[in-house]
Amino acid sequence: MSTPAEPLSARAAAHGVATWYETAGRRRVDIDPAVVEAVLGLLGPRPAPRSRAGGAAALPEPPRTWGWMLQLYGVRSARSWGVGDFADLAAFTRWAASTGAGAILVNPLHAVAPVDPLPASPYSPSSRRFVNPLYLRIADLPEYRAAEPALRAQVDALRPAQSTAEGLIDYGGVWRAKRAALELLFDAGAASGTEPEPALRDFATYTALAEIHGADWRRWPGELRRPSPDAYAAAPAGRVAFHAWLQRRCAEQLAAADEAAAGMAVGIIQDLAVGIDPGGADAWTLQEVIVQGARIGAPPDAFNQQGQDWGLAAWRPDRLAASDYRAYRDLLREIFRHAGGLRVDHVAGLWRLWWVPPGRGAAEGTYVHYDDAAMLDILVEEAVRAGAVVVGEDLGTVEPVVTTTLRERNILGSAVLWFTRDAGGAFRPPAEWPANAVASISTHDLPTAAGFLAGEHVLARAAAGVLGRDAKDEWADAARERAALLDVLDAEGLTEPDSTDEEIVLAMHRLLERTPCRIVLASPYDVLGVVRQPNLPGTTDQYPNWRIPLPLYLDDLIGDARMRQIADLFDRR
């Protein structure tokens, strides 16, 4: 007599795969059983829970301070080569510290795929353990300083022509120029005889092989599809040494930027992307603990009505637990080496991630659960070890347990003006904002202050074809949202009926200053009145994602009266 098949709901529960979920508005959404089956097929047997030695239960209480949120690539100077670099970060940090700022949040600095043109998105990294050499300042390299005049002249000649401040960032052109300059300096005698440690060796080997076979290791010859003696032998030794050298120089310049934050209450807060390129370096070197096939994203919500498919791979929970989370811990330690804080993008991913199985669209996924206690324990342990602050981006479709647990662990949540509302949709007065949070007007994925007031987010999404409903309805909502914002600003006595948009933007910052949030951050994009947002989710080539620079070069930026006005305002906290 055959044994009845185990019900789908029981198998899903045993593997942490959701058969339904609740939206941010607490509406139940049932998952297509075929999607649940497809995700279950990507997982092996669920390992038995492993007991872990108890670590730090919480972080020390984070300080009360303020600072800036930067898209580093857009913070260009007359001395950088068309993209903001580590030296620009150090210079901005020194200026910010001189005004009393205590924190600088930067976009992810992770290494991206070694292809031409270089990928623009910092949230689709090839490796989260290593750094993008695009941010190197050529003139600060010891090899450049020690070079003969003729070699220096040869390197200087490669520098791209200075574009206007308003021009879009040309990642491909900048990287081709920098790579050529770096190769000249390396070939002239920069090579170190130091054998790279295993993780760096594997990263450099992947990068060298990618230059020959393409950036997606899944399309390489079979014998090269994992770190092995065959792979090490096939990678040109000179290129492996070159890429290892780049990472050493990145670490040195990033450390110099971190030193510029000495004395700040927090310092530089690095951003941890939620996933990795499934064909990239980390997926090659760590493939035993990375899910193969599924892409992570997010279900439909108010700002992304078709759902999101980020095209990224993530940890495989069963294999990660079986390995006692070694790769996760190593990742955190590497980032905390040069950071006073860490922002965990989509922190709810420590609890669950939206997996989209092969052949399905962004809305046709389901949640897969992780051992949140273990993930949080390790995060807190490593932060305490480094003396660092942790910020969790807990926006969107987030279970209440996430926000509650962050507060209990002294991990700061995220309070963004556009989302800080009551049950009726009205903007909350500043006194009602959460204390255990980092406050900001917007994020890189949302409208800028000026863009929100002008309805640019409607125009941009309509032009890109990513609106989920009629544009007239979107415009009507945008008008209601603007009116609701003015209501709370007026109730706080921050605006007048005839206030200009510039005055309203200043009032938004004054509202932030009144909140009890532990850290308040301003964005130069908001302060300077930039209309376009850095990234428009759900788009690729339809929008210039990650290529919109600040309208002023660094020297003019830190001397701008509007920047000083916000610094003086926030420093009064």
Protein backbone atom coordinates (compact mmCIF):
# COMPACT_ATOMS: atom_id res chain seq x y z
CA MET A 1 0.00 0.00 0.00
CA SER A 2 1.49 3.35 -1.06
CA THR A 3 1.99 6.19 1.39
CA PRO A 4 -0.06 9.30 0.55
CA ALA A 5 2.02 12.16 -0.79
CA GLU A 6 2.82 14.81 1.78
CA PRO A 7 0.54 17.84 1.27
CA LEU A 8 2.11 20.83 -0.48
CA SER A 9 1.44 23.06 2.52
CA ALA A 10 3.35 20.70 4.82
CA ARG A 11 6.32 20.40 2.47
CA ALA A 12 6.40 24.16 2.01
CA ALA A 13 6.28 24.78 5.75
CA ALA A 14 9.11 22.31 6.36
CA HIS A 15 11.32 24.17 3.88
CA GLY A 16 10.31 27.70 4.91
CA VAL A 17 8.51 28.40 1.63
CA ALA A 18 5.39 30.57 1.88
CA THR A 19 2.07 29.55 0.34
CA TRP A 20 0.58 33.01 1.04
CA TYR A 21 1.62 36.42 2.38
CA GLU A 22 0.15 39.72 3.55
CA THR A 23 0.70 43.03 1.76
CA ALA A 24 1.72 46.22 3.55
CA GLY A 25 -2.03 46.93 3.81
CA ARG A 26 -2.57 43.53 5.49
CA ARG A 27 -4.34 42.04 2.46
CA ARG A 28 -3.84 38.27 2.04
CA VAL A 29 -2.34 37.09 -1.26
CA ASP A 30 -2.27 33.36 -2.02
CA ILE A 31 0.67 31.96 -4.00
CA ASP A 32 0.13 29.86 -7.13
CA PRO A 33 0.85 26.24 -6.07
CA ALA A 34 2.94 25.78 -9.22
CA VAL A 35 5.23 28.58 -8.05
CA VAL A 36 5.57 26.95 -4.63
CA GLU A 37 6.47 23.63 -6.29
CA ALA A 38 9.06 25.32 -8.50
CA VAL A 39 10.76 26.96 -5.53
CA LEU A 40 10.73 23.74 -3.52
CA GLY A 41 12.53 22.10 -6.41
CA LEU A 42 15.45 24.51 -5.92
CA LEU A 43 16.00 23.45 -2.29
CA GLY A 44 17.39 20.30 -0.78
CA PRO A 45 16.45 18.68 2.53
CA ARG A 46 15.95 21.21 5.29
CA PRO A 47 18.85 20.84 7.76
CA ALA A 48 18.15 20.37 11.44
CA PRO A 49 18.59 23.61 13.41
CA ARG A 50 22.11 23.99 14.80
CA SER A 51 22.67 25.36 18.26
CA ARG A 52 24.89 28.41 18.27
CA ALA A 53 26.83 29.89 21.15
CA GLY A 54 24.99 32.94 22.35
CA GLY A 55 26.52 36.20 21.15
CA ALA A 56 25.73 39.83 21.83
CA ALA A 57 21.97 40.25 22.30
CA ALA A 58 22.02 43.89 21.09
CA LEU A 59 24.25 46.72 19.97
CA PRO A 60 25.12 49.48 22.22
CA GLU A 61 22.54 52.18 21.79
CA PRO A 62 23.36 54.18 18.62
CA PRO A 63 24.31 57.85 19.06
CA ARG A 64 22.03 60.75 18.24
CA THR A 65 23.57 62.57 15.29
CA TRP A 66 23.05 63.72 11.71
CA GLY A 67 24.80 63.48 8.40
CA TRP A 68 24.58 63.00 4.65
CA MET A 69 23.58 60.25 2.25
CA LEU A 70 25.77 60.12 -0.85
CA GLN A 71 25.71 58.47 -4.23
CA LEU A 72 29.52 58.50 -4.40
CA TYR A 73 29.73 58.19 -8.19
CA GLY A 74 27.86 61.50 -8.49
CA VAL A 75 30.12 63.42 -6.07
CA ARG A 76 32.66 64.41 -8.69
CA SER A 77 35.52 66.85 -8.36
CA ALA A 78 37.93 68.60 -10.71
CA ARG A 79 40.52 66.00 -9.67
CA SER A 80 38.50 62.82 -10.24
CA TRP A 81 38.15 61.26 -13.67
CA GLY A 82 34.43 61.77 -14.29
CA VAL A 83 33.19 59.61 -11.40
CA GLY A 84 33.34 60.39 -7.70
CA ASP A 85 36.18 58.43 -6.07
CA PHE A 86 37.59 57.49 -2.67
CA ALA A 87 39.51 60.75 -2.41
CA ASP A 88 36.29 62.67 -3.09
CA LEU A 89 34.64 60.66 -0.33
CA ALA A 90 37.46 61.56 2.06
CA ALA A 91 37.26 65.26 1.14
CA PHE A 92 33.48 65.40 1.57
CA THR A 93 33.78 63.54 4.88
CA ARG A 94 36.35 66.01 6.21
CA TRP A 95 34.07 68.91 5.26
CA ALA A 96 31.04 67.26 6.82
CA ALA A 97 32.94 66.53 10.04
CA SER A 98 33.98 70.20 10.22
CA THR A 99 30.29 71.20 10.25
CA GLY A 100 29.40 68.78 13.05
CA ALA A 101 28.04 65.89 10.96
CA GLY A 102 28.42 62.46 12.52
CA ALA A 103 27.59 60.06 9.69
CA ILE A 104 28.06 59.61 5.93
CA LEU A 105 25.94 56.94 4.23
CA VAL A 106 27.33 55.86 0.85
CA ASN A 107 25.94 53.65 -1.88
CA PRO A 108 27.30 50.09 -2.08
CA LEU A 109 30.98 50.10 -3.06
CA HIS A 110 30.89 46.46 -4.17
CA ALA A 111 32.81 45.15 -7.18
CA VAL A 112 30.71 44.87 -10.35
CA ALA A 113 31.03 42.58 -13.36
CA PRO A 114 34.32 43.12 -15.28
CA VAL A 115 32.66 43.86 -18.62
CA ASP A 116 32.66 46.79 -21.04
CA PRO A 117 30.71 48.95 -20.54
CA LEU A 118 31.01 48.68 -16.79
CA PRO A 119 27.61 48.10 -15.11
CA ALA A 120 26.19 51.21 -13.49
CA SER A 121 24.09 49.71 -10.70
CA PRO A 122 25.87 49.41 -7.35
CA TYR A 123 23.07 47.11 -6.19
CA SER A 124 23.82 44.33 -8.72
CA PRO A 125 27.35 43.43 -7.61
CA SER A 126 29.62 40.70 -8.86
CA SER A 127 31.08 40.55 -5.35
CA ARG A 128 30.00 42.06 -2.06
CA ARG A 129 33.30 41.07 -0.41
CA PHE A 130 35.47 43.16 -2.73
CA VAL A 131 35.41 46.73 -3.97
CA ASN A 132 34.85 48.46 -7.30
CA PRO A 133 38.25 49.75 -8.53
CA LEU A 134 36.40 52.41 -10.53
CA TYR A 135 36.57 54.46 -7.30
CA LEU A 136 40.39 54.52 -7.19
CA ARG A 137 42.05 57.96 -7.33
CA ILE A 138 44.88 57.45 -9.82
CA ALA A 139 47.00 60.36 -8.60
CA ASP A 140 46.98 59.04 -5.02
CA LEU A 141 48.48 55.66 -5.90
CA PRO A 142 52.03 55.19 -4.58
CA GLU A 143 53.00 53.85 -8.02
CA TYR A 144 51.88 57.08 -9.66
CA ARG A 145 53.73 59.23 -7.15
CA ALA A 146 56.91 57.22 -7.63
CA ALA A 147 56.64 57.10 -11.41
CA GLU A 148 59.10 58.79 -13.77
CA PRO A 149 57.81 62.03 -15.37
CA ALA A 150 57.39 60.33 -18.75
CA LEU A 151 55.16 57.61 -17.30
CA ARG A 152 53.16 60.14 -15.35
CA ALA A 153 52.59 62.13 -18.52
CA GLN A 154 51.48 58.96 -20.30
CA VAL A 155 49.02 58.21 -17.50
CA ASP A 156 47.76 61.81 -17.35
CA ALA A 157 47.08 61.76 -21.08
CA LEU A 158 44.52 59.00 -20.53
CA ARG A 159 42.35 61.14 -18.29
CA PRO A 160 38.94 61.74 -19.91
CA ALA A 161 38.10 65.27 -20.94
CA GLN A 162 36.22 67.07 -18.17
CA SER A 163 32.52 66.95 -18.96
CA THR A 164 29.94 69.46 -17.80
CA ALA A 165 28.56 68.96 -14.32
CA GLU A 166 25.14 68.13 -15.77
CA GLY A 167 26.27 65.43 -18.21
CA LEU A 168 25.37 61.81 -17.49
CA ILE A 169 28.13 59.66 -16.04
CA ASP A 170 29.96 57.53 -18.62
CA TYR A 171 31.01 54.47 -16.63
CA GLY A 172 32.40 52.70 -19.66
CA GLY A 173 34.57 55.58 -20.78
CA VAL A 174 35.86 56.32 -17.30
CA TRP A 175 36.71 52.68 -16.60
CA ARG A 176 38.49 52.17 -19.93
CA ALA A 177 40.66 55.19 -19.19
CA LYS A 178 41.36 54.20 -15.59
CA ARG A 179 42.04 50.58 -16.48
CA ALA A 180 44.58 51.61 -19.09
CA ALA A 181 46.28 53.93 -16.57
CA LEU A 182 46.30 51.26 -13.89
CA GLU A 183 47.78 48.71 -16.26
CA LEU A 184 50.57 51.11 -17.17
CA LEU A 185 51.45 51.66 -13.52
CA PHE A 186 51.23 47.96 -12.71
CA ASP A 187 53.34 46.92 -15.69
CA ALA A 188 55.97 49.49 -14.77
CA GLY A 189 56.78 47.61 -11.59
CA ALA A 190 53.81 47.86 -9.26
CA ALA A 191 53.39 44.10 -8.95
CA SER A 192 53.79 42.74 -5.45
CA GLY A 193 55.30 39.36 -4.80
CA THR A 194 52.84 38.80 -1.95
CA GLU A 195 50.69 35.74 -2.48
CA PRO A 196 47.02 36.76 -2.13
CA GLU A 197 45.02 35.14 0.64
CA PRO A 198 42.52 32.50 -0.60
CA ALA A 199 39.42 34.71 -0.90
CA LEU A 200 41.33 37.40 -2.83
CA ARG A 201 43.02 34.74 -4.97
CA ASP A 202 39.64 33.32 -5.96
CA PHE A 203 38.18 36.75 -6.72
CA ALA A 204 41.20 37.72 -8.82
CA THR A 205 41.10 34.34 -10.59
CA TYR A 206 37.42 34.79 -11.45
CA THR A 207 38.09 38.30 -12.79
CA ALA A 208 41.02 37.14 -14.91
CA LEU A 209 38.97 34.28 -16.35
CA ALA A 210 36.03 36.60 -16.98
CA GLU A 211 38.26 38.75 -19.20
CA ILE A 212 38.68 35.69 -21.43
CA HIS A 213 35.39 33.80 -21.18
CA GLY A 214 32.89 36.51 -20.25
CA ALA A 215 31.47 37.64 -16.93
CA ASP A 216 28.94 34.79 -16.51
CA TRP A 217 30.81 31.76 -15.14
CA ARG A 218 27.81 29.55 -15.94
CA ARG A 219 28.78 29.81 -19.63
CA TRP A 220 32.45 28.95 -19.15
CA PRO A 221 34.00 25.61 -20.10
CA GLY A 222 32.88 22.94 -17.63
CA GLU A 223 36.25 22.50 -15.96
CA LEU A 224 36.39 26.20 -15.08
CA ARG A 225 32.96 26.55 -13.49
CA ARG A 226 34.23 26.41 -9.91
CA PRO A 227 37.47 27.30 -8.10
CA SER A 228 39.83 24.40 -8.77
CA PRO A 229 43.39 23.61 -9.85
CA ASP A 230 42.19 23.68 -13.47
CA ALA A 231 40.72 27.16 -13.01
CA TYR A 232 43.82 28.49 -11.26
CA ALA A 233 46.04 27.11 -14.01
CA ALA A 234 43.88 28.57 -16.79
CA ALA A 235 43.88 32.11 -15.36
CA PRO A 236 46.82 34.23 -16.63
CA ALA A 237 49.09 34.78 -13.64
CA GLY A 238 49.79 38.39 -14.58
CA ARG A 239 46.10 39.29 -14.70
CA VAL A 240 45.43 37.53 -11.39
CA ALA A 241 48.23 39.56 -9.82
CA PHE A 242 46.86 42.76 -11.41
CA HIS A 243 43.37 42.30 -10.00
CA ALA A 244 44.72 41.35 -6.57
CA TRP A 245 46.84 44.53 -6.63
CA LEU A 246 43.76 46.63 -7.49
CA GLN A 247 41.94 45.30 -4.44
CA ARG A 248 44.90 46.07 -2.15
CA ARG A 249 44.98 49.64 -3.42
CA CYS A 250 41.20 49.94 -3.02
CA ALA A 251 41.50 48.81 0.59
CA GLU A 252 44.19 51.43 1.25
CA GLN A 253 42.21 54.32 -0.26
CA LEU A 254 39.00 53.23 1.43
CA ALA A 255 40.88 53.09 4.73
CA ALA A 256 42.07 56.67 4.11
CA ALA A 257 38.47 57.79 3.61
CA ASP A 258 37.51 55.98 6.80
CA GLU A 259 40.31 57.80 8.64
CA ALA A 260 38.84 61.11 7.47
CA ALA A 261 35.79 60.24 9.58
CA ALA A 262 37.85 59.93 12.77
CA GLY A 263 36.06 61.78 15.55
CA MET A 264 32.62 61.46 13.96
CA ALA A 265 29.90 59.93 16.10
CA VAL A 266 29.44 57.11 13.56
CA GLY A 267 31.58 57.77 10.48
CA ILE A 268 31.11 56.22 7.06
CA ILE A 269 28.15 53.85 6.80
CA GLN A 270 28.60 51.36 3.99
CA ASP A 271 25.61 49.89 2.20
CA LEU A 272 25.17 46.12 1.82
CA ALA A 273 23.29 45.10 -1.33
CA VAL A 274 20.67 42.41 -0.78
CA GLY A 275 21.99 40.00 -3.42
CA ILE A 276 24.62 39.29 -6.06
CA ASP A 277 24.96 38.77 -9.80
CA PRO A 278 24.22 35.03 -10.26
CA GLY A 279 26.98 34.82 -12.86
CA GLY A 280 29.50 36.89 -10.92
CA ALA A 281 32.50 36.42 -8.66
CA ASP A 282 30.76 35.62 -5.37
CA ALA A 283 28.35 33.22 -7.07
CA TRP A 284 31.40 31.42 -8.57
CA THR A 285 33.46 31.26 -5.41
CA LEU A 286 30.56 30.60 -3.00
CA GLN A 287 28.24 28.59 -5.21
CA GLU A 288 27.71 25.90 -2.58
CA VAL A 289 25.75 28.38 -0.45
CA ILE A 290 24.15 30.44 -3.26
CA VAL A 291 20.77 29.47 -4.70
CA GLN A 292 20.98 28.48 -8.35
CA GLY A 293 18.14 29.48 -10.69
CA ALA A 294 15.93 31.68 -8.55
CA ARG A 295 16.06 35.47 -8.80
CA ILE A 296 15.11 37.68 -5.88
CA GLY A 297 12.90 40.74 -5.94
CA ALA A 298 9.74 42.08 -4.36
CA PRO A 299 5.99 41.56 -4.78
CA PRO A 300 3.82 44.34 -6.25
CA ASP A 301 3.40 47.44 -4.08
CA ALA A 302 2.22 51.04 -4.42
CA PHE A 303 5.42 52.32 -6.05
CA ASN A 304 6.15 49.19 -8.13
CA GLN A 305 2.80 47.86 -9.20
CA GLN A 306 4.18 45.08 -11.40
CA GLY A 307 6.49 43.70 -8.73
CA GLN A 308 10.28 43.75 -8.91
CA ASP A 309 12.73 41.22 -10.32
CA TRP A 310 16.20 42.35 -9.31
CA GLY A 311 17.89 39.57 -11.27
CA LEU A 312 19.99 38.74 -8.21
CA ALA A 313 20.98 35.53 -6.47
CA ALA A 314 20.90 35.14 -2.70
CA TRP A 315 21.95 32.83 0.09
CA ARG A 316 20.51 29.33 -0.01
CA PRO A 317 19.19 28.96 3.56
CA ASP A 318 19.69 25.21 3.91
CA ARG A 319 23.31 25.22 2.72
CA LEU A 320 24.16 28.44 4.59
CA ALA A 321 22.96 26.96 7.86
CA ALA A 322 24.80 23.70 7.22
CA SER A 323 28.05 25.67 6.78
CA ASP A 324 27.49 27.50 10.08
CA TYR A 325 27.15 30.79 8.17
CA ARG A 326 30.88 31.12 7.48
CA ALA A 327 30.50 33.03 4.20
CA TYR A 328 27.99 35.46 5.74
CA ARG A 329 30.26 36.19 8.69
CA ASP A 330 33.29 36.68 6.42
CA LEU A 331 31.32 39.16 4.32
CA LEU A 332 30.36 41.24 7.35
CA ARG A 333 33.89 41.26 8.75
CA GLU A 334 35.30 42.46 5.43
CA ILE A 335 32.90 45.41 5.24
CA PHE A 336 33.30 46.40 8.90
CA ARG A 337 37.07 46.70 8.37
CA HIS A 338 36.57 50.14 6.82
CA ALA A 339 33.21 51.35 8.12
CA GLY A 340 31.69 52.89 11.20
CA GLY A 341 28.31 51.51 10.27
CA LEU A 342 26.46 49.22 7.91
CA ARG A 343 23.13 49.76 6.20
CA VAL A 344 21.51 46.44 5.33
CA ASP A 345 19.46 46.95 2.19
CA HIS A 346 16.09 45.18 2.43
CA VAL A 347 16.80 44.04 5.99
CA ALA A 348 13.64 41.91 5.90
CA GLY A 349 15.78 39.60 3.76
CA LEU A 350 17.31 38.33 7.00
CA TRP A 351 13.85 36.87 7.67
CA ARG A 352 12.60 36.10 4.16
CA LEU A 353 13.25 36.92 0.51
CA TRP A 354 10.94 36.98 -2.49
CA TRP A 355 12.21 34.27 -4.86
CA VAL A 356 11.12 34.26 -8.51
CA PRO A 357 11.62 30.79 -10.03
CA PRO A 358 12.89 30.29 -13.61
CA GLY A 359 10.44 31.26 -16.34
CA ARG A 360 8.25 33.39 -14.07
CA GLY A 361 7.59 37.12 -13.88
CA ALA A 362 8.35 39.38 -10.93
CA ALA A 363 4.86 39.04 -9.44
CA GLU A 364 4.95 35.23 -9.74
CA GLY A 365 7.25 34.47 -6.83
CA THR A 366 6.99 33.53 -3.20
CA TYR A 367 8.78 34.15 0.06
CA VAL A 368 11.50 31.82 1.30
CA HIS A 369 12.34 32.07 5.00
CA TYR A 370 15.78 32.16 6.64
CA ASP A 371 16.87 31.49 10.22
CA ASP A 372 16.46 35.09 11.30
CA ALA A 373 17.77 34.45 14.81
CA ALA A 374 21.07 33.15 13.44
CA MET A 375 21.34 35.89 10.80
CA LEU A 376 20.71 38.61 13.39
CA ASP A 377 22.99 37.07 16.02
CA ILE A 378 25.91 37.08 13.60
CA LEU A 379 25.16 40.60 12.36
CA VAL A 380 25.08 41.95 15.92
CA GLU A 381 28.18 39.99 16.99
CA GLU A 382 30.24 41.37 14.10
CA ALA A 383 28.95 44.93 14.57
CA VAL A 384 29.81 44.86 18.28
CA ARG A 385 33.24 43.46 17.46
CA ALA A 386 33.81 46.37 15.07
CA GLY A 387 32.20 49.01 17.29
CA ALA A 388 29.81 49.83 14.45
CA VAL A 389 26.20 50.97 14.06
CA VAL A 390 23.73 48.91 12.03
CA VAL A 391 20.85 50.36 10.01
CA GLY A 392 18.15 48.19 8.50
CA GLU A 393 16.17 49.32 5.45
CA ASP A 394 12.73 48.10 6.56
CA LEU A 395 10.50 49.75 3.96
CA GLY A 396 7.84 48.21 1.74
CA THR A 397 6.15 44.88 2.49
CA VAL A 398 7.67 44.18 5.91
CA GLU A 399 6.25 42.00 8.67
CA PRO A 400 5.77 43.76 12.05
CA VAL A 401 8.23 41.34 13.68
CA VAL A 402 11.02 42.91 11.63
CA THR A 403 10.59 46.40 13.05
CA THR A 404 10.01 45.06 16.57
CA THR A 405 13.15 42.92 16.50
CA LEU A 406 15.31 45.71 15.09
CA ARG A 407 14.28 47.90 18.01
CA GLU A 408 15.04 45.14 20.53
CA ARG A 409 18.50 44.62 19.02
CA ASN A 410 19.35 48.37 18.82
CA ILE A 411 19.46 48.11 15.03
CA LEU A 412 18.10 51.33 13.56
CA GLY A 413 15.19 51.12 11.15
CA SER A 414 14.46 53.51 8.28
CA ALA A 415 11.95 56.34 8.49
CA VAL A 416 11.36 57.95 5.09
CA LEU A 417 9.05 60.93 4.73
CA TRP A 418 7.06 59.45 1.85
CA PHE A 419 6.20 56.34 3.91
CA THR A 420 5.79 57.75 7.43
CA ARG A 421 1.99 57.96 7.52
CA ASP A 422 -0.96 56.97 9.63
CA ALA A 423 -3.56 54.32 8.78
CA GLY A 424 -5.54 56.87 6.77
CA GLY A 425 -2.58 57.83 4.60
CA ALA A 426 -1.90 61.22 6.22
CA PHE A 427 1.73 62.19 6.84
CA ARG A 428 2.62 61.81 10.50
CA PRO A 429 3.77 64.88 12.46
CA PRO A 430 7.45 64.71 13.41
CA ALA A 431 6.74 63.97 17.08
CA GLU A 432 5.18 60.65 16.02
CA TRP A 433 8.18 59.41 14.04
CA PRO A 434 10.04 56.43 15.53
CA ALA A 435 13.10 57.16 17.66
CA ASN A 436 14.88 53.95 16.68
CA ALA A 437 15.41 54.98 13.08
CA VAL A 438 17.43 56.87 10.51
CA ALA A 439 15.26 59.62 9.06
CA SER A 440 15.44 60.96 5.52
CA ILE A 441 13.20 62.64 3.01
CA SER A 442 13.71 60.01 0.32
CA THR A 443 15.93 57.14 -0.84
CA HIS A 444 17.77 56.34 -4.06
CA ASP A 445 14.69 54.43 -5.31
CA LEU A 446 12.16 57.19 -4.61
CA PRO A 447 11.45 60.70 -5.90
CA THR A 448 13.73 63.51 -4.81
CA ALA A 449 12.14 66.33 -2.84
CA ALA A 450 11.88 68.58 -5.90
CA GLY A 451 10.83 65.65 -8.08
CA PHE A 452 7.97 64.76 -5.73
CA LEU A 453 6.67 68.31 -5.71
CA ALA A 454 6.83 68.52 -9.52
CA GLY A 455 5.31 65.08 -10.15
CA GLU A 456 8.48 63.94 -11.90
CA HIS A 457 7.95 60.41 -10.55
CA VAL A 458 4.74 60.18 -12.59
CA LEU A 459 6.36 61.58 -15.73
CA ALA A 460 9.38 59.29 -15.45
CA ARG A 461 7.38 56.12 -14.87
CA ALA A 462 4.95 56.96 -17.67
CA ALA A 463 7.81 57.62 -20.09
CA ALA A 464 9.45 54.34 -19.07
CA GLY A 465 6.22 52.36 -19.44
CA VAL A 466 6.16 51.07 -15.87
CA LEU A 467 2.90 52.59 -14.65
CA GLY A 468 0.46 49.95 -13.53
CA ARG A 469 -2.63 52.07 -14.22
CA ASP A 470 -3.89 55.08 -16.15
CA ALA A 471 -1.67 58.16 -15.98
CA LYS A 472 -4.67 60.35 -15.06
CA ASP A 473 -5.13 58.34 -11.88
CA GLU A 474 -1.43 58.67 -11.09
CA TRP A 475 -1.55 62.44 -11.54
CA ALA A 476 -4.61 62.67 -9.31
CA ASP A 477 -2.81 60.69 -6.62
CA ALA A 478 0.30 62.86 -7.00
CA ALA A 479 -1.80 65.99 -6.43
CA ARG A 480 -3.40 64.47 -3.33
CA GLU A 481 0.02 63.43 -2.02
CA ARG A 482 1.41 66.93 -2.47
CA ALA A 483 -1.60 68.40 -0.68
CA ALA A 484 -1.21 65.91 2.18
CA LEU A 485 2.46 66.84 2.54
CA LEU A 486 1.61 70.54 2.65
CA ASP A 487 -1.01 69.80 5.30
CA VAL A 488 1.54 68.40 7.76
CA LEU A 489 4.09 71.11 6.97
CA ASP A 490 1.43 73.79 7.47
CA ALA A 491 0.26 72.19 10.73
CA GLU A 492 3.85 72.41 11.99
CA GLY A 493 4.04 76.09 11.02
CA LEU A 494 6.77 75.35 8.46
CA THR A 495 5.08 76.67 5.30
CA GLU A 496 2.79 79.46 4.18
CA PRO A 497 0.07 79.28 1.50
CA ASP A 498 2.37 81.01 -0.99
CA SER A 499 5.56 79.07 -0.15
CA THR A 500 7.71 78.30 -3.18
CA ASP A 501 8.92 74.78 -3.94
CA GLU A 502 12.38 75.75 -2.68
CA GLU A 503 10.86 76.90 0.61
CA ILE A 504 8.83 73.68 0.84
CA VAL A 505 12.01 71.61 0.40
CA LEU A 506 13.62 73.53 3.26
CA ALA A 507 10.49 72.93 5.34
CA MET A 508 10.81 69.17 4.72
CA HIS A 509 14.30 69.29 6.21
CA ARG A 510 13.03 71.30 9.17
CA LEU A 511 10.40 68.62 9.73
CA LEU A 512 13.13 65.97 9.83
CA GLU A 513 15.09 68.06 12.33
CA ARG A 514 12.10 67.94 14.70
CA THR A 515 11.78 64.16 14.72
CA PRO A 516 13.08 62.02 17.61
CA CYS A 517 14.96 59.77 15.13
CA ARG A 518 18.48 58.95 16.33
CA ILE A 519 20.12 59.81 13.00
CA VAL A 520 18.85 62.31 10.44
CA LEU A 521 20.32 62.29 6.94
CA ALA A 522 20.09 64.82 4.13
CA SER A 523 20.77 64.15 0.47
CA PRO A 524 22.55 66.71 -1.71
CA TYR A 525 20.12 65.73 -4.49
CA ASP A 526 17.29 67.10 -2.32
CA VAL A 527 19.18 70.11 -1.03
CA LEU A 528 20.29 71.22 -4.50
CA GLY A 529 16.86 70.75 -6.07
CA VAL A 530 17.72 67.88 -8.42
CA VAL A 531 14.47 66.71 -10.03
CA ARG A 532 15.37 63.23 -11.30
CA GLN A 533 15.78 60.40 -8.79
CA PRO A 534 18.98 58.32 -8.88
CA ASN A 535 17.20 55.08 -9.76
CA LEU A 536 13.77 54.25 -11.15
CA PRO A 537 12.87 50.69 -10.05
CA GLY A 538 11.47 48.43 -12.75
CA THR A 539 13.56 50.01 -15.51
CA THR A 540 16.83 49.30 -17.27
CA ASP A 541 17.62 51.29 -20.40
CA GLN A 542 14.38 53.29 -20.22
CA TYR A 543 15.88 55.58 -17.55
CA PRO A 544 19.44 56.79 -16.78
CA ASN A 545 19.68 54.81 -13.54
CA TRP A 546 22.76 55.52 -11.41
CA ARG A 547 24.15 57.91 -14.04
CA ILE A 548 22.73 61.21 -12.77
CA PRO A 549 25.52 63.29 -11.16
CA LEU A 550 25.14 66.08 -8.69
CA PRO A 551 24.83 69.44 -10.50
CA LEU A 552 27.91 70.89 -8.77
CA TYR A 553 31.47 69.66 -8.55
CA LEU A 554 32.74 68.90 -5.07
CA ASP A 555 34.46 72.22 -4.31
CA ASP A 556 31.33 74.14 -5.28
CA LEU A 557 29.09 71.62 -3.53
CA ILE A 558 30.67 72.02 -0.10
CA GLY A 559 30.75 75.78 -0.55
CA ASP A 560 27.10 76.04 -1.54
CA ALA A 561 24.95 78.14 0.79
CA ARG A 562 22.09 75.61 0.64
CA MET A 563 24.37 72.81 1.85
CA ARG A 564 25.60 74.99 4.72
CA GLN A 565 22.04 75.98 5.60
CA ILE A 566 21.02 72.34 6.08
CA ALA A 567 24.23 71.58 7.97
CA ASP A 568 23.53 74.44 10.37
CA LEU A 569 19.89 73.36 10.74
CA PHE A 570 20.68 69.74 11.53
CA ASP A 571 23.63 70.56 13.76
CA ARG A 572 21.23 72.32 16.14
CA ARG A 573 19.83 68.87 17.01
